């Protein structure tokens, strides 16, 4: 496996990431725990170290399975997860979206499911149509200062909004947007 620098962070990640949207059967299909374990173990044996998940994947089951799979070897992996839509089909409106309240609630729930004390790369999964970019940047900074996330990322946003977020984070001397 080849390793590359993750953006401008200095973090070394495997060139191939393992997406875990198929870990679990919460959506009524995909990989049961045995198949998920086999996929994860094959990836790790090949030298992979970059795991991507989201709270919404299989309604939280993906993160739960990962939490079990990472036990005793968490420090061998770069763990990324995303938030915006919540981990349940009819999530409380206060825990979905990109507000700081939703961000913190989502992170705490992910940390519990993943059985870890921090997320290496925490992504906003989708724009929610209402949360200003400044609020997202402040939320990331709060979480980074608390030691709960190391890097911040923005996914599925239009390029102009991503560029604005990068600029705002730089101007505020906040945790940089390391991933897009």
N, C-alpha and C. Protein backbone atom coordinates (compact mmCIF):
# COMPACT_ATOMS: atom_id res chain seq x y z
N UNK A 1 0.85 -1.18 0.00
CA UNK A 1 0.00 0.00 0.00
C UNK A 1 0.90 1.23 0.00
N UNK A 2 0.55 2.19 -0.81
CA UNK A 2 1.27 3.46 -0.81
C UNK A 2 0.57 4.44 0.13
N UNK A 3 1.36 5.34 0.69
CA UNK A 3 0.83 6.35 1.61
C UNK A 3 1.12 7.73 1.04
N UNK A 4 0.17 8.62 1.25
CA UNK A 4 0.30 9.99 0.76
C UNK A 4 -0.03 10.96 1.90
N UNK A 5 0.43 12.18 1.74
CA UNK A 5 0.10 13.21 2.72
C UNK A 5 -1.36 13.61 2.52
N UNK A 6 -2.07 13.76 3.61
CA UNK A 6 -3.46 14.18 3.56
C UNK A 6 -3.49 15.71 3.52
N UNK A 7 -3.66 16.25 2.34
CA UNK A 7 -3.69 17.70 2.17
C UNK A 7 -2.42 18.33 2.71
N UNK A 8 -2.59 19.40 3.46
CA UNK A 8 -1.45 20.10 4.04
C UNK A 8 -1.31 19.81 5.54
N UNK A 9 -1.75 18.63 5.96
CA UNK A 9 -1.75 18.30 7.38
C UNK A 9 -0.47 17.61 7.84
N UNK A 10 0.24 16.96 6.94
CA UNK A 10 1.38 16.14 7.32
C UNK A 10 0.97 14.73 7.72
N UNK A 11 -0.32 14.47 7.80
CA UNK A 11 -0.85 13.16 8.15
C UNK A 11 -0.65 12.21 6.98
N UNK A 12 -0.13 11.01 7.23
CA UNK A 12 0.11 10.01 6.18
C UNK A 12 -1.06 9.02 6.15
N UNK A 13 -1.76 9.00 5.03
CA UNK A 13 -2.89 8.09 4.88
C UNK A 13 -2.64 7.16 3.69
N UNK A 14 -3.24 5.99 3.75
CA UNK A 14 -3.13 5.07 2.62
C UNK A 14 -3.81 5.69 1.42
N UNK A 15 -3.25 5.39 0.27
CA UNK A 15 -3.78 5.97 -0.97
C UNK A 15 -5.20 5.49 -1.24
N UNK A 16 -5.56 4.36 -0.69
CA UNK A 16 -6.91 3.82 -0.83
C UNK A 16 -7.60 3.92 0.53
N UNK A 17 -8.73 4.59 0.57
CA UNK A 17 -9.53 4.69 1.80
C UNK A 17 -10.60 3.60 1.78
N UNK A 18 -11.01 3.19 2.95
CA UNK A 18 -12.10 2.22 3.07
C UNK A 18 -13.37 2.95 3.45
N UNK A 19 -14.29 3.05 2.51
CA UNK A 19 -15.60 3.61 2.79
C UNK A 19 -16.47 2.54 3.42
N UNK A 20 -17.20 2.91 4.47
CA UNK A 20 -17.94 1.89 5.24
C UNK A 20 -19.45 2.09 5.20
N UNK A 21 -19.94 2.73 4.17
CA UNK A 21 -21.38 2.92 4.03
C UNK A 21 -22.13 1.61 3.91
N UNK A 22 -21.42 0.54 3.54
CA UNK A 22 -22.05 -0.77 3.39
C UNK A 22 -21.88 -1.66 4.62
N UNK A 23 -21.29 -1.13 5.70
CA UNK A 23 -21.12 -1.92 6.92
C UNK A 23 -22.41 -1.87 7.74
N UNK A 24 -23.11 -2.98 7.79
CA UNK A 24 -24.36 -3.06 8.52
C UNK A 24 -25.53 -3.33 7.59
N UNK A 25 -26.68 -3.56 8.21
CA UNK A 25 -27.88 -3.86 7.42
C UNK A 25 -29.06 -3.00 7.86
N UNK A 26 -28.78 -1.87 8.45
CA UNK A 26 -29.84 -0.98 8.94
C UNK A 26 -30.75 -0.46 7.85
N UNK A 27 -30.23 -0.38 6.63
CA UNK A 27 -31.06 0.08 5.51
C UNK A 27 -31.80 -1.09 4.86
N UNK A 28 -31.63 -2.30 5.42
CA UNK A 28 -32.31 -3.47 4.88
C UNK A 28 -31.45 -4.25 3.90
N UNK A 29 -30.24 -3.84 3.68
CA UNK A 29 -29.32 -4.54 2.78
C UNK A 29 -27.90 -4.15 3.14
N UNK A 30 -26.93 -4.74 2.52
CA UNK A 30 -25.49 -4.51 2.65
C UNK A 30 -24.83 -5.59 3.48
N UNK A 31 -23.69 -5.29 4.10
CA UNK A 31 -22.82 -6.30 4.69
C UNK A 31 -23.13 -6.54 6.17
N UNK A 32 -23.43 -7.79 6.50
CA UNK A 32 -23.65 -8.14 7.90
C UNK A 32 -22.32 -8.05 8.65
N UNK A 33 -22.32 -8.22 9.98
CA UNK A 33 -21.08 -8.07 10.75
C UNK A 33 -19.93 -8.98 10.29
N UNK A 34 -20.22 -10.21 9.92
CA UNK A 34 -19.15 -11.13 9.48
C UNK A 34 -18.51 -10.65 8.18
N UNK A 35 -19.32 -10.24 7.23
CA UNK A 35 -18.79 -9.75 5.95
C UNK A 35 -18.05 -8.43 6.17
N UNK A 36 -18.60 -7.55 6.99
CA UNK A 36 -17.93 -6.28 7.31
C UNK A 36 -16.57 -6.52 7.93
N UNK A 37 -16.50 -7.48 8.84
CA UNK A 37 -15.23 -7.83 9.49
C UNK A 37 -14.23 -8.34 8.47
N UNK A 38 -14.67 -9.19 7.57
CA UNK A 38 -13.77 -9.72 6.53
C UNK A 38 -13.24 -8.60 5.63
N UNK A 39 -14.11 -7.67 5.26
CA UNK A 39 -13.69 -6.55 4.43
C UNK A 39 -12.67 -5.70 5.17
N UNK A 40 -12.99 -5.37 6.41
CA UNK A 40 -12.10 -4.53 7.22
C UNK A 40 -10.74 -5.20 7.41
N UNK A 41 -10.75 -6.47 7.78
CA UNK A 41 -9.50 -7.18 8.02
C UNK A 41 -8.65 -7.28 6.76
N UNK A 42 -9.27 -7.53 5.61
CA UNK A 42 -8.52 -7.60 4.35
C UNK A 42 -7.89 -6.24 4.03
N UNK A 43 -8.63 -5.18 4.27
CA UNK A 43 -8.11 -3.83 4.04
C UNK A 43 -6.93 -3.54 4.97
N UNK A 44 -7.07 -3.87 6.24
CA UNK A 44 -5.99 -3.65 7.20
C UNK A 44 -4.76 -4.49 6.85
N UNK A 45 -4.97 -5.74 6.46
CA UNK A 45 -3.85 -6.61 6.10
C UNK A 45 -3.12 -6.11 4.86
N UNK A 46 -3.84 -5.41 3.97
CA UNK A 46 -3.22 -4.83 2.78
C UNK A 46 -2.46 -3.54 3.10
N UNK A 47 -2.55 -3.08 4.35
CA UNK A 47 -1.84 -1.89 4.77
C UNK A 47 -2.67 -0.63 4.78
N UNK A 48 -3.97 -0.75 4.56
CA UNK A 48 -4.85 0.42 4.58
C UNK A 48 -4.97 0.99 5.97
N UNK A 49 -5.04 2.33 6.05
CA UNK A 49 -5.16 2.96 7.37
C UNK A 49 -6.17 4.10 7.42
N UNK A 50 -6.93 4.32 6.36
CA UNK A 50 -7.82 5.48 6.27
C UNK A 50 -9.26 4.99 6.15
N UNK A 51 -10.03 5.15 7.23
CA UNK A 51 -11.40 4.65 7.31
C UNK A 51 -12.38 5.83 7.24
N UNK A 52 -13.38 5.72 6.37
CA UNK A 52 -14.38 6.76 6.23
C UNK A 52 -15.76 6.22 6.58
N UNK A 53 -16.49 6.96 7.42
CA UNK A 53 -17.83 6.57 7.81
C UNK A 53 -18.72 7.81 7.90
N UNK A 54 -19.92 7.61 8.39
CA UNK A 54 -20.87 8.71 8.64
C UNK A 54 -21.92 8.20 9.61
N UNK A 55 -22.47 9.12 10.39
CA UNK A 55 -23.49 8.71 11.36
C UNK A 55 -24.72 8.13 10.67
N UNK A 56 -25.02 8.60 9.49
CA UNK A 56 -26.21 8.17 8.77
C UNK A 56 -26.05 6.78 8.12
N UNK A 57 -24.82 6.31 7.92
CA UNK A 57 -24.61 5.03 7.25
C UNK A 57 -25.24 3.90 8.06
N UNK A 58 -26.17 3.23 7.43
CA UNK A 58 -26.89 2.11 8.04
C UNK A 58 -27.51 2.51 9.38
N UNK A 59 -27.93 3.79 9.46
CA UNK A 59 -28.54 4.34 10.69
C UNK A 59 -27.68 4.09 11.92
N UNK A 60 -26.39 4.36 11.77
CA UNK A 60 -25.46 4.26 12.88
C UNK A 60 -24.77 2.92 13.02
N UNK A 61 -25.26 1.90 12.35
CA UNK A 61 -24.65 0.57 12.48
C UNK A 61 -23.22 0.53 11.95
N UNK A 62 -22.93 1.29 10.90
CA UNK A 62 -21.58 1.33 10.36
C UNK A 62 -20.60 1.76 11.44
N UNK A 63 -20.93 2.85 12.14
CA UNK A 63 -20.04 3.31 13.21
C UNK A 63 -19.97 2.31 14.36
N UNK A 64 -21.08 1.67 14.69
CA UNK A 64 -21.06 0.66 15.77
C UNK A 64 -20.12 -0.49 15.42
N UNK A 65 -20.24 -0.99 14.19
CA UNK A 65 -19.35 -2.07 13.76
C UNK A 65 -17.90 -1.62 13.77
N UNK A 66 -17.65 -0.43 13.28
CA UNK A 66 -16.27 0.09 13.29
C UNK A 66 -15.73 0.20 14.71
N UNK A 67 -16.55 0.64 15.63
CA UNK A 67 -16.12 0.74 17.02
C UNK A 67 -15.61 -0.59 17.54
N UNK A 68 -16.31 -1.65 17.21
CA UNK A 68 -15.89 -2.99 17.62
C UNK A 68 -14.63 -3.41 16.86
N UNK A 69 -14.59 -3.16 15.57
CA UNK A 69 -13.44 -3.56 14.76
C UNK A 69 -12.16 -2.82 15.13
N UNK A 70 -12.29 -1.61 15.62
CA UNK A 70 -11.12 -0.79 15.97
C UNK A 70 -10.59 -1.05 17.38
N UNK A 71 -11.34 -1.80 18.18
CA UNK A 71 -10.90 -2.06 19.56
C UNK A 71 -9.51 -2.70 19.56
N UNK A 72 -8.61 -2.08 20.33
CA UNK A 72 -7.25 -2.58 20.45
C UNK A 72 -6.32 -2.18 19.32
N UNK A 73 -6.86 -1.53 18.29
CA UNK A 73 -6.01 -1.10 17.18
C UNK A 73 -6.39 0.27 16.64
N UNK A 74 -7.08 1.04 17.44
CA UNK A 74 -7.54 2.38 17.03
C UNK A 74 -6.40 3.27 16.53
N UNK A 75 -5.26 3.20 17.19
CA UNK A 75 -4.15 4.09 16.84
C UNK A 75 -3.49 3.73 15.51
N UNK A 76 -3.87 2.62 14.90
CA UNK A 76 -3.31 2.22 13.60
C UNK A 76 -4.09 2.80 12.43
N UNK A 77 -5.15 3.56 12.73
CA UNK A 77 -6.03 4.04 11.67
C UNK A 77 -6.33 5.53 11.80
N UNK A 78 -6.55 6.14 10.65
CA UNK A 78 -7.07 7.50 10.58
C UNK A 78 -8.57 7.33 10.41
N UNK A 79 -9.33 7.82 11.37
CA UNK A 79 -10.77 7.62 11.38
C UNK A 79 -11.49 8.91 11.01
N UNK A 80 -12.26 8.83 9.95
CA UNK A 80 -13.06 9.97 9.50
C UNK A 80 -14.54 9.60 9.58
N UNK A 81 -15.34 10.54 10.01
CA UNK A 81 -16.79 10.34 9.98
C UNK A 81 -17.47 11.67 9.67
N UNK A 82 -18.73 11.57 9.27
CA UNK A 82 -19.47 12.74 8.82
C UNK A 82 -20.78 12.88 9.61
N UNK A 83 -21.33 14.08 9.58
CA UNK A 83 -22.61 14.35 10.23
C UNK A 83 -23.42 15.29 9.35
N UNK A 84 -24.68 15.33 9.51
CA UNK A 84 -25.65 16.30 9.02
C UNK A 84 -27.06 15.75 9.15
N UNK A 85 -27.27 14.52 8.70
CA UNK A 85 -28.63 13.99 8.59
C UNK A 85 -29.08 13.14 9.78
N UNK A 86 -28.20 12.85 10.70
CA UNK A 86 -28.58 12.07 11.88
C UNK A 86 -28.51 10.58 11.64
N UNK A 87 -28.49 9.84 12.73
CA UNK A 87 -28.30 8.39 12.66
C UNK A 87 -29.60 7.60 12.69
N UNK A 88 -30.74 8.27 12.77
CA UNK A 88 -32.01 7.56 12.78
C UNK A 88 -32.91 8.13 11.70
N UNK A 89 -33.84 7.33 11.20
CA UNK A 89 -34.69 7.79 10.11
C UNK A 89 -35.49 9.06 10.44
N UNK A 90 -35.98 9.18 11.65
CA UNK A 90 -36.77 10.35 12.05
C UNK A 90 -36.09 11.06 13.21
N UNK A 91 -34.85 11.49 12.97
CA UNK A 91 -34.05 12.09 14.03
C UNK A 91 -34.69 13.38 14.54
N UNK A 92 -34.46 13.67 15.80
CA UNK A 92 -34.89 14.91 16.42
C UNK A 92 -34.34 16.08 15.61
N UNK A 93 -35.14 17.07 15.29
CA UNK A 93 -34.65 18.21 14.48
C UNK A 93 -33.48 18.95 15.13
N UNK A 94 -33.28 18.80 16.42
CA UNK A 94 -32.17 19.48 17.09
C UNK A 94 -30.83 18.76 16.88
N UNK A 95 -30.84 17.53 16.37
CA UNK A 95 -29.59 16.80 16.15
C UNK A 95 -29.30 16.55 14.67
N UNK A 96 -30.06 17.19 13.81
CA UNK A 96 -29.74 17.12 12.38
C UNK A 96 -29.41 18.52 11.89
N UNK A 97 -28.76 18.57 10.76
CA UNK A 97 -28.32 19.86 10.23
C UNK A 97 -26.89 20.14 10.65
N UNK A 98 -26.46 21.38 10.45
CA UNK A 98 -25.05 21.73 10.66
C UNK A 98 -24.82 22.78 11.74
N UNK A 99 -25.83 23.07 12.54
CA UNK A 99 -25.65 24.02 13.64
C UNK A 99 -24.63 23.47 14.62
N UNK A 100 -24.07 24.33 15.47
CA UNK A 100 -23.14 23.84 16.48
C UNK A 100 -23.82 22.84 17.41
N UNK A 101 -25.07 23.09 17.75
CA UNK A 101 -25.80 22.16 18.63
C UNK A 101 -25.88 20.77 17.99
N UNK A 102 -26.27 20.73 16.72
CA UNK A 102 -26.37 19.45 16.01
C UNK A 102 -24.99 18.81 15.83
N UNK A 103 -23.99 19.65 15.53
CA UNK A 103 -22.63 19.16 15.34
C UNK A 103 -22.12 18.47 16.60
N UNK A 104 -22.30 19.11 17.75
CA UNK A 104 -21.81 18.56 19.01
C UNK A 104 -22.59 17.30 19.39
N UNK A 105 -23.90 17.34 19.25
CA UNK A 105 -24.72 16.16 19.57
C UNK A 105 -24.35 14.99 18.65
N UNK A 106 -24.16 15.27 17.38
CA UNK A 106 -23.79 14.22 16.42
C UNK A 106 -22.43 13.64 16.75
N UNK A 107 -21.48 14.52 17.08
CA UNK A 107 -20.14 14.05 17.41
C UNK A 107 -20.16 13.16 18.65
N UNK A 108 -20.83 13.60 19.69
CA UNK A 108 -20.87 12.81 20.93
C UNK A 108 -21.47 11.43 20.67
N UNK A 109 -22.53 11.37 19.87
CA UNK A 109 -23.14 10.08 19.55
C UNK A 109 -22.19 9.22 18.73
N UNK A 110 -21.47 9.83 17.77
CA UNK A 110 -20.50 9.08 16.97
C UNK A 110 -19.36 8.56 17.83
N UNK A 111 -18.85 9.39 18.74
CA UNK A 111 -17.77 8.94 19.62
C UNK A 111 -18.20 7.72 20.43
N UNK A 112 -19.43 7.72 20.89
CA UNK A 112 -19.95 6.59 21.67
C UNK A 112 -20.04 5.33 20.79
N UNK A 113 -20.62 5.48 19.59
CA UNK A 113 -20.75 4.32 18.69
C UNK A 113 -19.38 3.80 18.27
N UNK A 114 -18.43 4.70 18.03
CA UNK A 114 -17.10 4.33 17.56
C UNK A 114 -16.15 3.92 18.69
N UNK A 115 -16.59 4.08 19.92
CA UNK A 115 -15.80 3.70 21.10
C UNK A 115 -14.42 4.36 21.09
N UNK A 116 -14.42 5.67 20.86
CA UNK A 116 -13.17 6.41 20.81
C UNK A 116 -13.34 7.76 21.48
N UNK A 117 -12.25 8.42 21.75
CA UNK A 117 -12.31 9.73 22.39
C UNK A 117 -12.14 10.88 21.41
N UNK A 118 -11.84 10.56 20.15
CA UNK A 118 -11.66 11.62 19.16
C UNK A 118 -11.91 11.09 17.75
N UNK A 119 -12.22 12.01 16.87
CA UNK A 119 -12.35 11.73 15.45
C UNK A 119 -11.17 12.42 14.77
N UNK A 120 -10.47 11.71 13.91
CA UNK A 120 -9.32 12.31 13.25
C UNK A 120 -9.75 13.35 12.22
N UNK A 121 -10.73 13.02 11.40
CA UNK A 121 -11.24 13.96 10.41
C UNK A 121 -12.77 13.98 10.51
N UNK A 122 -13.32 15.12 10.88
CA UNK A 122 -14.76 15.25 11.05
C UNK A 122 -15.30 16.11 9.91
N UNK A 123 -16.22 15.54 9.17
CA UNK A 123 -16.76 16.18 7.97
C UNK A 123 -18.20 16.65 8.18
N UNK A 124 -18.52 17.80 7.63
CA UNK A 124 -19.92 18.17 7.40
C UNK A 124 -20.30 17.40 6.13
N UNK A 125 -21.33 16.58 6.20
CA UNK A 125 -21.67 15.70 5.09
C UNK A 125 -22.38 16.45 3.94
N UNK A 126 -23.30 17.30 4.28
CA UNK A 126 -24.12 17.99 3.28
C UNK A 126 -24.45 19.40 3.75
N UNK A 127 -24.65 20.34 2.84
CA UNK A 127 -25.20 21.63 3.27
C UNK A 127 -26.63 21.39 3.76
N UNK A 128 -27.04 22.13 4.77
CA UNK A 128 -28.42 21.95 5.26
C UNK A 128 -29.35 23.06 4.79
N UNK A 129 -28.81 24.02 4.07
CA UNK A 129 -29.65 25.09 3.52
C UNK A 129 -29.92 26.24 4.47
N UNK A 130 -29.48 26.14 5.73
CA UNK A 130 -29.76 27.21 6.69
C UNK A 130 -28.55 27.64 7.53
N UNK A 131 -27.64 26.73 7.82
CA UNK A 131 -26.53 27.07 8.72
C UNK A 131 -25.46 27.87 7.98
N UNK A 132 -25.16 29.06 8.49
CA UNK A 132 -24.11 29.87 7.85
C UNK A 132 -22.74 29.21 7.99
N UNK A 133 -21.89 29.45 7.04
CA UNK A 133 -20.53 28.90 7.07
C UNK A 133 -19.79 29.30 8.33
N UNK A 134 -20.00 30.53 8.80
CA UNK A 134 -19.34 31.00 10.02
C UNK A 134 -19.69 30.11 11.22
N UNK A 135 -20.92 29.67 11.30
CA UNK A 135 -21.36 28.79 12.39
C UNK A 135 -20.64 27.44 12.32
N UNK A 136 -20.48 26.92 11.12
CA UNK A 136 -19.79 25.64 10.94
C UNK A 136 -18.33 25.77 11.37
N UNK A 137 -17.69 26.84 10.95
CA UNK A 137 -16.28 27.07 11.31
C UNK A 137 -16.14 27.19 12.82
N UNK A 138 -17.03 27.95 13.47
CA UNK A 138 -16.97 28.08 14.93
C UNK A 138 -17.18 26.73 15.62
N UNK A 139 -18.09 25.93 15.10
CA UNK A 139 -18.33 24.61 15.67
C UNK A 139 -17.10 23.72 15.56
N UNK A 140 -16.48 23.70 14.39
CA UNK A 140 -15.25 22.92 14.23
C UNK A 140 -14.17 23.39 15.21
N UNK A 141 -14.03 24.69 15.34
CA UNK A 141 -13.02 25.24 16.25
C UNK A 141 -13.30 24.82 17.69
N UNK A 142 -14.56 24.89 18.10
CA UNK A 142 -14.93 24.45 19.46
C UNK A 142 -14.51 23.00 19.68
N UNK A 143 -14.80 22.14 18.71
CA UNK A 143 -14.51 20.71 18.85
C UNK A 143 -13.01 20.44 18.82
N UNK A 144 -12.28 21.18 18.00
CA UNK A 144 -10.83 21.01 17.94
C UNK A 144 -10.19 21.45 19.25
N UNK A 145 -10.62 22.59 19.78
CA UNK A 145 -10.06 23.08 21.06
C UNK A 145 -10.37 22.11 22.20
N UNK A 146 -11.50 21.42 22.12
CA UNK A 146 -11.87 20.44 23.15
C UNK A 146 -11.13 19.11 22.96
N UNK A 147 -10.36 18.98 21.87
CA UNK A 147 -9.62 17.75 21.61
C UNK A 147 -10.47 16.62 21.06
N UNK A 148 -11.67 16.95 20.59
CA UNK A 148 -12.58 15.90 20.10
C UNK A 148 -12.39 15.61 18.62
N UNK A 149 -11.86 16.58 17.86
CA UNK A 149 -11.52 16.36 16.45
C UNK A 149 -10.12 16.91 16.22
N UNK A 150 -9.42 16.31 15.24
CA UNK A 150 -8.10 16.80 14.88
C UNK A 150 -8.15 17.67 13.63
N UNK A 151 -8.95 17.25 12.65
CA UNK A 151 -9.06 17.96 11.37
C UNK A 151 -10.52 18.11 10.99
N UNK A 152 -10.80 19.15 10.21
CA UNK A 152 -12.17 19.42 9.76
C UNK A 152 -12.26 19.24 8.25
N UNK A 153 -13.43 18.80 7.80
CA UNK A 153 -13.66 18.63 6.37
C UNK A 153 -15.06 19.04 5.99
N UNK A 154 -15.22 19.39 4.72
CA UNK A 154 -16.52 19.78 4.18
C UNK A 154 -16.77 18.95 2.93
N UNK A 155 -17.89 18.27 2.88
CA UNK A 155 -18.22 17.35 1.80
C UNK A 155 -19.50 17.80 1.09
N UNK A 156 -19.53 17.60 -0.20
CA UNK A 156 -20.74 17.84 -1.00
C UNK A 156 -21.23 19.29 -0.99
N UNK A 157 -20.36 20.24 -0.74
CA UNK A 157 -20.70 21.66 -0.79
C UNK A 157 -20.27 22.23 -2.13
N UNK A 158 -20.95 23.26 -2.61
CA UNK A 158 -20.48 23.90 -3.85
C UNK A 158 -19.08 24.50 -3.64
N UNK A 159 -18.31 24.56 -4.70
CA UNK A 159 -16.92 25.02 -4.62
C UNK A 159 -16.80 26.42 -4.02
N UNK A 160 -17.73 27.32 -4.36
CA UNK A 160 -17.64 28.68 -3.84
C UNK A 160 -17.80 28.69 -2.32
N UNK A 161 -18.66 27.80 -1.82
CA UNK A 161 -18.88 27.76 -0.38
C UNK A 161 -17.69 27.12 0.35
N UNK A 162 -17.09 26.14 -0.27
CA UNK A 162 -15.88 25.54 0.28
C UNK A 162 -14.76 26.58 0.34
N UNK A 163 -14.56 27.32 -0.75
CA UNK A 163 -13.51 28.34 -0.78
C UNK A 163 -13.75 29.39 0.30
N UNK A 164 -15.00 29.74 0.50
CA UNK A 164 -15.34 30.71 1.55
C UNK A 164 -15.02 30.15 2.93
N UNK A 165 -15.34 28.88 3.15
CA UNK A 165 -15.06 28.25 4.45
C UNK A 165 -13.56 28.20 4.72
N UNK A 166 -12.78 27.85 3.72
CA UNK A 166 -11.32 27.82 3.88
C UNK A 166 -10.82 29.21 4.25
N UNK A 167 -11.31 30.22 3.55
CA UNK A 167 -10.88 31.60 3.82
C UNK A 167 -11.30 32.06 5.20
N UNK A 168 -12.55 31.80 5.58
CA UNK A 168 -13.01 32.20 6.91
C UNK A 168 -12.21 31.52 8.02
N UNK A 169 -11.90 30.25 7.85
CA UNK A 169 -11.11 29.54 8.86
C UNK A 169 -9.71 30.15 8.97
N UNK A 170 -9.13 30.49 7.83
CA UNK A 170 -7.80 31.12 7.84
C UNK A 170 -7.85 32.47 8.53
N UNK A 171 -8.84 33.30 8.19
CA UNK A 171 -8.94 34.63 8.78
C UNK A 171 -9.20 34.59 10.28
N UNK A 172 -9.92 33.58 10.73
CA UNK A 172 -10.25 33.45 12.15
C UNK A 172 -9.16 32.69 12.92
N UNK A 173 -8.13 32.25 12.20
CA UNK A 173 -7.07 31.44 12.80
C UNK A 173 -7.68 30.23 13.51
N UNK A 174 -8.71 29.67 12.87
CA UNK A 174 -9.43 28.50 13.40
C UNK A 174 -8.83 27.22 12.81
N UNK A 175 -9.32 26.08 13.28
CA UNK A 175 -8.87 24.81 12.71
C UNK A 175 -9.10 24.88 11.19
N UNK A 176 -8.06 24.59 10.40
CA UNK A 176 -8.22 24.72 8.95
C UNK A 176 -9.16 23.66 8.37
N UNK A 177 -9.72 23.96 7.24
CA UNK A 177 -10.49 22.97 6.49
C UNK A 177 -9.46 22.14 5.75
N UNK A 178 -9.26 20.93 6.21
CA UNK A 178 -8.20 20.07 5.69
C UNK A 178 -8.68 19.14 4.59
N UNK A 179 -9.99 19.04 4.40
CA UNK A 179 -10.53 18.06 3.46
C UNK A 179 -11.77 18.60 2.78
N UNK A 180 -11.88 18.22 1.51
CA UNK A 180 -13.06 18.62 0.74
C UNK A 180 -13.44 17.53 -0.24
